[in-house]
């Protein structure tokens, strides 16, 4: 028997959106992963670093997947529930979690890290990244690309032509170079996503808050009900995320 719209929405509203563990969506939504395997690349670099910084670590889940940390391992995060979650997860491994508002400046001395990493940062402050990198140091990150999951964004908000042009890898490349960094690797992919029920959509939008800014069930109930009926009639709602891997290096001189 099909579950009702009200049941599915209420279930999704009861789940905490803290952290970057998406296991609640198992069996309810799918997303292709980028071919380069960011966590594996990050882990390999961490194993050979002396001092590393993970910017906007979320709940620390991605960083915690690394097999080995360098002697100095620091992570920053702005959202208090995530700071608490990351602290519980990373402190036992010797990593320090710093509450930081995601605004310049980063609370560290210049040239403090030979490796800076980040997965899906909401904001990227290239001047600060360049400042805290030691000469010869590397920034390795997976960024959200342009028009990511915009099928959902525009279903709720209508056409967003200006927003579609934001987060372009060419912009980040130009900004990195403008701050004295050499971009040594850049890869881009669009990846298929499927949402199998409206509960999965509600949970995703509560967790990934920039997809539909200001999203609440009450404010978007009519469109949620329309989407529920669409999924029941036509099958999974299909969207596409966009991701790019960027590696930038600070020259020795």
C-alpha atoms as a PDB file:
ATOM      1  CA  UNK A   1       0.000   0.000   0.000  1.00  0.00           C
ATOM      2  CA  UNK A   2       1.312   3.435  -0.960  1.00  0.00           C
ATOM      3  CA  UNK A   3       2.245   5.642   1.960  1.00  0.00           C
ATOM      4  CA  UNK A   4       0.437   8.945   2.138  1.00  0.00           C
ATOM      5  CA  UNK A   5       1.921  12.324   1.393  1.00  0.00           C
ATOM      6  CA  UNK A   6       1.438  13.351   5.025  1.00  0.00           C
ATOM      7  CA  UNK A   7       3.207  10.254   6.376  1.00  0.00           C
ATOM      8  CA  UNK A   8       6.206  10.622   4.092  1.00  0.00           C
ATOM      9  CA  UNK A   9       6.628  14.327   4.831  1.00  0.00           C
ATOM     10  CA  UNK A  10       6.213  13.904   8.587  1.00  0.00           C
ATOM     11  CA  UNK A  11       8.819  11.132   8.638  1.00  0.00           C
ATOM     12  CA  UNK A  12      11.337  13.293   6.769  1.00  0.00           C
ATOM     13  CA  UNK A  13      10.705  16.266   9.063  1.00  0.00           C
ATOM     14  CA  UNK A  14      11.473  14.154  12.143  1.00  0.00           C
ATOM     15  CA  UNK A  15      15.015  13.296  11.001  1.00  0.00           C
ATOM     16  CA  UNK A  16      17.900  15.542  12.035  1.00  0.00           C
ATOM     17  CA  UNK A  17      19.601  17.150   9.004  1.00  0.00           C
ATOM     18  CA  UNK A  18      22.946  17.579  10.830  1.00  0.00           C
ATOM     19  CA  UNK A  19      26.157  16.344   9.222  1.00  0.00           C
ATOM     20  CA  UNK A  20      26.878  14.956   5.779  1.00  0.00           C
ATOM     21  CA  UNK A  21      25.788  11.369   6.300  1.00  0.00           C
ATOM     22  CA  UNK A  22      23.112  10.687   3.684  1.00  0.00           C
ATOM     23  CA  UNK A  23      22.465   7.052   4.627  1.00  0.00           C
ATOM     24  CA  UNK A  24      18.836   7.886   5.522  1.00  0.00           C
ATOM     25  CA  UNK A  25      18.249   8.143   1.772  1.00  0.00           C
ATOM     26  CA  UNK A  26      19.354   4.564   1.073  1.00  0.00           C
ATOM     27  CA  UNK A  27      16.637   2.974  -1.038  1.00  0.00           C
ATOM     28  CA  UNK A  28      14.847   6.329  -1.400  1.00  0.00           C
ATOM     29  CA  UNK A  29      17.232   8.313  -3.592  1.00  0.00           C
ATOM     30  CA  UNK A  30      20.381   7.695  -5.625  1.00  0.00           C
ATOM     31  CA  UNK A  31      23.222   9.874  -6.897  1.00  0.00           C
ATOM     32  CA  UNK A  32      26.090   8.999  -9.174  1.00  0.00           C
ATOM     33  CA  UNK A  33      29.521   9.690  -7.733  1.00  0.00           C
ATOM     34  CA  UNK A  34      32.320  11.531  -9.570  1.00  0.00           C
ATOM     35  CA  UNK A  35      34.766   9.221 -11.260  1.00  0.00           C
ATOM     36  CA  UNK A  36      37.851  10.687  -9.560  1.00  0.00           C
ATOM     37  CA  UNK A  37      36.965   9.526  -6.025  1.00  0.00           C
ATOM     38  CA  UNK A  38      37.566  12.617  -3.908  1.00  0.00           C
ATOM     39  CA  UNK A  39      37.821  10.837  -0.564  1.00  0.00           C
ATOM     40  CA  UNK A  40      40.479   8.455  -1.898  1.00  0.00           C
ATOM     41  CA  UNK A  41      42.505  11.350  -3.337  1.00  0.00           C
ATOM     42  CA  UNK A  42      42.155  13.324  -0.109  1.00  0.00           C
ATOM     43  CA  UNK A  43      43.243  10.313   1.960  1.00  0.00           C
ATOM     44  CA  UNK A  44      46.341   9.790  -0.167  1.00  0.00           C
ATOM     45  CA  UNK A  45      47.380  13.428   0.267  1.00  0.00           C
ATOM     46  CA  UNK A  46      46.713  13.465   4.016  1.00  0.00           C
ATOM     47  CA  UNK A  47      48.966  10.450   4.503  1.00  0.00           C
ATOM     48  CA  UNK A  48      51.919  12.452   3.159  1.00  0.00           C
ATOM     49  CA  UNK A  49      51.179  15.867   4.721  1.00  0.00           C
ATOM     50  CA  UNK A  50      52.743  17.453   7.795  1.00  0.00           C
ATOM     51  CA  UNK A  51      49.947  19.906   8.599  1.00  0.00           C
ATOM     52  CA  UNK A  52      46.512  19.873   6.964  1.00  0.00           C
ATOM     53  CA  UNK A  53      43.312  21.912   7.143  1.00  0.00           C
ATOM     54  CA  UNK A  54      39.830  20.720   6.136  1.00  0.00           C
ATOM     55  CA  UNK A  55      37.639  23.765   5.467  1.00  0.00           C
ATOM     56  CA  UNK A  56      33.880  23.483   6.145  1.00  0.00           C
ATOM     57  CA  UNK A  57      34.132  19.884   7.302  1.00  0.00           C
ATOM     58  CA  UNK A  58      30.392  19.484   7.966  1.00  0.00           C
ATOM     59  CA  UNK A  59      29.960  16.739  10.521  1.00  0.00           C
ATOM     60  CA  UNK A  60      33.480  15.488   9.810  1.00  0.00           C
ATOM     61  CA  UNK A  61      32.276  12.328   8.068  1.00  0.00           C
ATOM     62  CA  UNK A  62      34.324  12.763   4.886  1.00  0.00           C
ATOM     63  CA  UNK A  63      37.520  13.653   6.721  1.00  0.00           C
ATOM     64  CA  UNK A  64      37.017  10.770   9.146  1.00  0.00           C
ATOM     65  CA  UNK A  65      37.100   8.401   6.186  1.00  0.00           C
ATOM     66  CA  UNK A  66      40.834   9.000   5.778  1.00  0.00           C
ATOM     67  CA  UNK A  67      42.951   6.120   7.042  1.00  0.00           C
ATOM     68  CA  UNK A  68      45.741   8.359   8.321  1.00  0.00           C
ATOM     69  CA  UNK A  69      45.974  11.947   9.550  1.00  0.00           C
ATOM     70  CA  UNK A  70      49.110  14.118   9.467  1.00  0.00           C
ATOM     71  CA  UNK A  71      50.741  15.167  12.771  1.00  0.00           C
ATOM     72  CA  UNK A  72      48.721  18.409  12.654  1.00  0.00           C
ATOM     73  CA  UNK A  73      45.102  17.999  11.503  1.00  0.00           C
ATOM     74  CA  UNK A  74      42.600  20.846  11.830  1.00  0.00           C
ATOM     75  CA  UNK A  75      39.025  21.212  10.562  1.00  0.00           C
ATOM     76  CA  UNK A  76      36.718  24.236  10.492  1.00  0.00           C
ATOM     77  CA  UNK A  77      32.924  24.344  10.554  1.00  0.00           C
ATOM     78  CA  UNK A  78      30.337  27.081  11.085  1.00  0.00           C
ATOM     79  CA  UNK A  79      27.039  25.355  11.921  1.00  0.00           C
ATOM     80  CA  UNK A  80      26.892  24.512  15.652  1.00  0.00           C
ATOM     81  CA  UNK A  81      25.215  21.069  15.290  1.00  0.00           C
ATOM     82  CA  UNK A  82      27.916  20.093  12.797  1.00  0.00           C
ATOM     83  CA  UNK A  83      30.682  21.493  15.025  1.00  0.00           C
ATOM     84  CA  UNK A  84      29.469  19.248  17.833  1.00  0.00           C
ATOM     85  CA  UNK A  85      29.163  16.232  15.564  1.00  0.00           C
ATOM     86  CA  UNK A  86      32.592  16.746  13.985  1.00  0.00           C
ATOM     87  CA  UNK A  87      34.167  17.203  17.418  1.00  0.00           C
ATOM     88  CA  UNK A  88      32.787  13.880  18.626  1.00  0.00           C
ATOM     89  CA  UNK A  89      33.967  12.145  15.480  1.00  0.00           C
ATOM     90  CA  UNK A  90      37.400  13.720  14.965  1.00  0.00           C
ATOM     91  CA  UNK A  91      38.754  14.544  18.441  1.00  0.00           C
ATOM     92  CA  UNK A  92      39.372  10.880  19.325  1.00  0.00           C
ATOM     93  CA  UNK A  93      41.704  10.744  16.317  1.00  0.00           C
ATOM     94  CA  UNK A  94      43.660  13.809  17.384  1.00  0.00           C
ATOM     95  CA  UNK A  95      42.117  16.312  14.982  1.00  0.00           C
ATOM     96  CA  UNK A  96      41.152  19.768  16.253  1.00  0.00           C
ATOM     97  CA  UNK A  97      37.758  21.188  15.209  1.00  0.00           C
ATOM     98  CA  UNK A  98      37.547  24.984  15.136  1.00  0.00           C
ATOM     99  CA  UNK A  99      34.211  26.826  15.073  1.00  0.00           C
ATOM    100  CA  UNK A 100      34.601  29.358  12.256  1.00  0.00           C
ATOM    101  CA  UNK A 101      31.968  31.587  10.595  1.00  0.00           C
ATOM    102  CA  UNK A 102      33.114  30.811   7.016  1.00  0.00           C
ATOM    103  CA  UNK A 103      34.077  34.444   6.551  1.00  0.00           C
ATOM    104  CA  UNK A 104      37.613  35.836   6.175  1.00  0.00           C
ATOM    105  CA  UNK A 105      40.006  35.632   7.793  1.00  0.00           C
ATOM    106  CA  UNK A 106      40.676  32.000   8.583  1.00  0.00           C
ATOM    107  CA  UNK A 107      41.820  31.828  12.239  1.00  0.00           C
ATOM    108  CA  UNK A 108      45.323  30.612  11.410  1.00  0.00           C
ATOM    109  CA  UNK A 109      48.745  32.107  10.782  1.00  0.00           C
ATOM    110  CA  UNK A 110      50.057  32.478   7.269  1.00  0.00           C
ATOM    111  CA  UNK A 111      51.796  29.504   5.644  1.00  0.00           C
ATOM    112  CA  UNK A 112      50.509  27.199   8.412  1.00  0.00           C
ATOM    113  CA  UNK A 113      49.488  24.236   6.241  1.00  0.00           C
ATOM    114  CA  UNK A 114      51.089  22.273   3.450  1.00  0.00           C
ATOM    115  CA  UNK A 115      47.675  20.804   2.510  1.00  0.00           C
ATOM    116  CA  UNK A 116      44.213  22.396   2.515  1.00  0.00           C
ATOM    117  CA  UNK A 117      41.203  20.283   1.528  1.00  0.00           C
ATOM    118  CA  UNK A 118      37.466  20.869   1.262  1.00  0.00           C
ATOM    119  CA  UNK A 119      34.455  18.974  -0.023  1.00  0.00           C
ATOM    120  CA  UNK A 120      31.534  21.081  -1.222  1.00  0.00           C
ATOM    121  CA  UNK A 121      32.437  24.375   0.471  1.00  0.00           C
ATOM    122  CA  UNK A 122      29.543  26.826   0.484  1.00  0.00           C
ATOM    123  CA  UNK A 123      31.979  29.721   0.017  1.00  0.00           C
ATOM    124  CA  UNK A 124      35.556  29.738  -1.266  1.00  0.00           C
ATOM    125  CA  UNK A 125      37.882  32.516  -0.091  1.00  0.00           C
ATOM    126  CA  UNK A 126      40.885  32.139  -2.373  1.00  0.00           C
ATOM    127  CA  UNK A 127      42.860  34.936  -0.719  1.00  0.00           C
ATOM    128  CA  UNK A 128      42.680  33.092   2.607  1.00  0.00           C
ATOM    129  CA  UNK A 129      43.469  29.710   1.081  1.00  0.00           C
ATOM    130  CA  UNK A 130      46.568  31.173  -0.549  1.00  0.00           C
ATOM    131  CA  UNK A 131      47.567  32.912   2.685  1.00  0.00           C
ATOM    132  CA  UNK A 132      47.468  29.825   4.923  1.00  0.00           C
ATOM    133  CA  UNK A 133      49.193  27.551   2.387  1.00  0.00           C
ATOM    134  CA  UNK A 134      52.920  27.102   2.816  1.00  0.00           C
ATOM    135  CA  UNK A 135      55.084  27.541  -0.310  1.00  0.00           C
ATOM    136  CA  UNK A 136      54.752  24.342  -2.324  1.00  0.00           C
ATOM    137  CA  UNK A 137      51.475  23.547  -0.530  1.00  0.00           C
ATOM    138  CA  UNK A 138      48.342  22.245  -2.238  1.00  0.00           C
ATOM    139  CA  UNK A 139      44.617  22.989  -2.163  1.00  0.00           C
ATOM    140  CA  UNK A 140      42.629  19.895  -3.170  1.00  0.00           C
ATOM    141  CA  UNK A 141      38.850  20.173  -3.205  1.00  0.00           C
ATOM    142  CA  UNK A 142      35.628  18.979  -4.746  1.00  0.00           C
ATOM    143  CA  UNK A 143      33.361  21.916  -5.443  1.00  0.00           C
ATOM    144  CA  UNK A 144      29.692  22.044  -6.363  1.00  0.00           C
ATOM    145  CA  UNK A 145      29.466  23.189  -9.979  1.00  0.00           C
ATOM    146  CA  UNK A 146      26.978  25.366 -11.860  1.00  0.00           C
ATOM    147  CA  UNK A 147      23.231  24.630 -11.906  1.00  0.00           C
ATOM    148  CA  UNK A 148      23.608  21.682  -9.553  1.00  0.00           C
ATOM    149  CA  UNK A 149      20.269  19.946  -8.857  1.00  0.00           C
ATOM    150  CA  UNK A 150      18.553  22.855 -10.571  1.00  0.00           C
ATOM    151  CA  UNK A 151      15.702  20.610 -11.646  1.00  0.00           C
ATOM    152  CA  UNK A 152      14.617  20.737  -7.983  1.00  0.00           C
ATOM    153  CA  UNK A 153      15.535  24.394  -7.509  1.00  0.00           C
ATOM    154  CA  UNK A 154      13.472  25.519 -10.472  1.00  0.00           C
ATOM    155  CA  UNK A 155      10.570  23.181  -9.689  1.00  0.00           C
ATOM    156  CA  UNK A 156      10.056  25.138  -6.459  1.00  0.00           C
ATOM    157  CA  UNK A 157      11.347  28.597  -7.390  1.00  0.00           C
ATOM    158  CA  UNK A 158      10.808  28.871 -11.144  1.00  0.00           C
ATOM    159  CA  UNK A 159      13.501  29.750 -13.729  1.00  0.00           C
ATOM    160  CA  UNK A 160      16.784  30.986 -12.243  1.00  0.00           C
ATOM    161  CA  UNK A 161      18.826  32.175 -15.266  1.00  0.00           C
ATOM    162  CA  UNK A 162      21.287  34.287 -13.272  1.00  0.00           C
ATOM    163  CA  UNK A 163      21.916  31.643 -10.613  1.00  0.00           C
ATOM    164  CA  UNK A 164      22.598  29.052 -13.307  1.00  0.00           C
ATOM    165  CA  UNK A 165      25.851  30.850 -14.152  1.00  0.00           C
ATOM    166  CA  UNK A 166      27.268  30.785 -10.622  1.00  0.00           C
ATOM    167  CA  UNK A 167      29.912  28.336  -9.308  1.00  0.00           C
ATOM    168  CA  UNK A 168      31.517  27.860 -12.716  1.00  0.00           C
ATOM    169  CA  UNK A 169      34.921  26.101 -12.624  1.00  0.00           C
ATOM    170  CA  UNK A 170      36.371  28.763 -14.936  1.00  0.00           C
ATOM    171  CA  UNK A 171      35.600  31.378 -12.279  1.00  0.00           C
ATOM    172  CA  UNK A 172      37.364  29.430  -9.530  1.00  0.00           C
ATOM    173  CA  UNK A 173      40.316  28.797 -11.814  1.00  0.00           C
ATOM    174  CA  UNK A 174      40.644  32.524 -12.539  1.00  0.00           C
ATOM    175  CA  UNK A 175      40.286  33.425  -8.840  1.00  0.00           C
ATOM    176  CA  UNK A 176      42.899  30.867  -7.782  1.00  0.00           C
ATOM    177  CA  UNK A 177      45.374  32.219 -10.332  1.00  0.00           C
ATOM    178  CA  UNK A 178      44.611  35.809  -9.347  1.00  0.00           C
ATOM    179  CA  UNK A 179      45.739  34.880  -5.825  1.00  0.00           C
ATOM    180  CA  UNK A 180      49.046  33.454  -6.985  1.00  0.00           C
ATOM    181  CA  UNK A 181      48.126  29.761  -7.160  1.00  0.00           C
ATOM    182  CA  UNK A 182      48.837  27.421 -10.056  1.00  0.00           C
ATOM    183  CA  UNK A 183      45.857  25.252 -11.060  1.00  0.00           C
ATOM    184  CA  UNK A 184      47.372  21.852 -11.827  1.00  0.00           C
ATOM    185  CA  UNK A 185      44.201  19.750 -12.169  1.00  0.00           C
ATOM    186  CA  UNK A 186      40.581  20.534 -13.057  1.00  0.00           C
ATOM    187  CA  UNK A 187      37.871  17.952 -13.837  1.00  0.00           C
ATOM    188  CA  UNK A 188      34.110  18.446 -14.249  1.00  0.00           C
ATOM    189  CA  UNK A 189      31.170  16.010 -14.348  1.00  0.00           C
ATOM    190  CA  UNK A 190      27.351  16.135 -14.299  1.00  0.00           C
ATOM    191  CA  UNK A 191      25.820  13.241 -12.382  1.00  0.00           C
ATOM    192  CA  UNK A 192      22.350  11.700 -12.384  1.00  0.00           C
ATOM    193  CA  UNK A 193      20.187  11.806  -9.250  1.00  0.00           C
ATOM    194  CA  UNK A 194      16.834  10.099  -8.650  1.00  0.00           C
ATOM    195  CA  UNK A 195      14.321  10.751  -5.856  1.00  0.00           C
ATOM    196  CA  UNK A 196      11.871   7.890  -5.299  1.00  0.00           C
ATOM    197  CA  UNK A 197       9.461   9.531  -2.847  1.00  0.00           C
ATOM    198  CA  UNK A 198       8.578  12.970  -1.515  1.00  0.00           C
ATOM    199  CA  UNK A 199      10.116  12.178   1.876  1.00  0.00           C
ATOM    200  CA  UNK A 200      13.502  11.882   0.202  1.00  0.00           C
ATOM    201  CA  UNK A 201      13.008  15.299  -1.398  1.00  0.00           C
ATOM    202  CA  UNK A 202      12.027  16.915   1.916  1.00  0.00           C
ATOM    203  CA  UNK A 203      14.999  15.407   3.745  1.00  0.00           C
ATOM    204  CA  UNK A 204      17.409  16.472   0.983  1.00  0.00           C
ATOM    205  CA  UNK A 205      16.136  20.059   0.894  1.00  0.00           C
ATOM    206  CA  UNK A 206      16.301  20.370   4.694  1.00  0.00           C
ATOM    207  CA  UNK A 207      19.888  19.126   4.650  1.00  0.00           C
ATOM    208  CA  UNK A 208      21.280  20.838   1.535  1.00  0.00           C
ATOM    209  CA  UNK A 209      19.847  24.245   2.327  1.00  0.00           C
ATOM    210  CA  UNK A 210      21.167  26.138  -0.702  1.00  0.00           C
ATOM    211  CA  UNK A 211      19.179  24.077  -3.241  1.00  0.00           C
ATOM    212  CA  UNK A 212      15.943  25.877  -2.308  1.00  0.00           C
ATOM    213  CA  UNK A 213      16.944  28.762  -0.015  1.00  0.00           C
ATOM    214  CA  UNK A 214      14.554  29.214   2.869  1.00  0.00           C
ATOM    215  CA  UNK A 215      12.871  25.866   2.251  1.00  0.00           C
ATOM    216  CA  UNK A 216      10.237  24.767   4.745  1.00  0.00           C
ATOM    217  CA  UNK A 217       7.477  22.222   4.328  1.00  0.00           C
ATOM    218  CA  UNK A 218       4.813  24.761   5.296  1.00  0.00           C
ATOM    219  CA  UNK A 219       5.985  27.357   2.788  1.00  0.00           C
ATOM    220  CA  UNK A 220       6.222  24.834  -0.078  1.00  0.00           C
ATOM    221  CA  UNK A 221       3.479  22.366   0.790  1.00  0.00           C
ATOM    222  CA  UNK A 222       1.469  22.888  -2.418  1.00  0.00           C
ATOM    223  CA  UNK A 223       4.452  22.272  -4.693  1.00  0.00           C
ATOM    224  CA  UNK A 224       5.533  19.330  -2.551  1.00  0.00           C
ATOM    225  CA  UNK A 225       2.099  17.774  -2.986  1.00  0.00           C
ATOM    226  CA  UNK A 226       2.304  18.319  -6.754  1.00  0.00           C
ATOM    227  CA  UNK A 227       5.724  16.667  -6.818  1.00  0.00           C
ATOM    228  CA  UNK A 228       4.424  13.762  -4.719  1.00  0.00           C
ATOM    229  CA  UNK A 229       1.700  13.132  -7.296  1.00  0.00           C
ATOM    230  CA  UNK A 230       4.208  13.484 -10.142  1.00  0.00           C
ATOM    231  CA  UNK A 231       6.488  10.833  -8.621  1.00  0.00           C
ATOM    232  CA  UNK A 232       3.552   8.487  -7.993  1.00  0.00           C
ATOM    233  CA  UNK A 233       2.399   8.841 -11.601  1.00  0.00           C
ATOM    234  CA  UNK A 234       5.680   8.991 -13.560  1.00  0.00           C
ATOM    235  CA  UNK A 235       8.287   7.395 -11.306  1.00  0.00           C
ATOM    236  CA  UNK A 236      11.467   8.897  -9.790  1.00  0.00           C
ATOM    237  CA  UNK A 237      12.122  12.614 -10.064  1.00  0.00           C
ATOM    238  CA  UNK A 238      15.387  12.962 -12.000  1.00  0.00           C
ATOM    239  CA  UNK A 239      17.889  15.758 -11.362  1.00  0.00           C
ATOM    240  CA  UNK A 240      21.582  16.234 -12.064  1.00  0.00           C
ATOM    241  CA  UNK A 241      24.295  17.371  -9.690  1.00  0.00           C
ATOM    242  CA  UNK A 242      27.435  19.029 -11.022  1.00  0.00           C
ATOM    243  CA  UNK A 243      30.844  18.595  -9.422  1.00  0.00           C
ATOM    244  CA  UNK A 244      34.371  19.643 -10.198  1.00  0.00           C
ATOM    245  CA  UNK A 245      37.692  18.619  -8.754  1.00  0.00           C
ATOM    246  CA  UNK A 246      40.243  21.401  -8.454  1.00  0.00           C
ATOM    247  CA  UNK A 247      43.862  21.170  -7.371  1.00  0.00           C
ATOM    248  CA  UNK A 248      45.863  24.359  -6.953  1.00  0.00           C
ATOM    249  CA  UNK A 249      49.460  24.697  -5.804  1.00  0.00           C
ATOM    250  CA  UNK A 250      51.279  27.587  -4.167  1.00  0.00           C
ATOM    251  CA  UNK A 251      54.622  28.223  -5.874  1.00  0.00           C
ATOM    252  CA  UNK A 252      57.823  28.178  -3.840  1.00  0.00           C
ATOM    253  CA  UNK A 253      58.622  31.694  -5.011  1.00  0.00           C
END
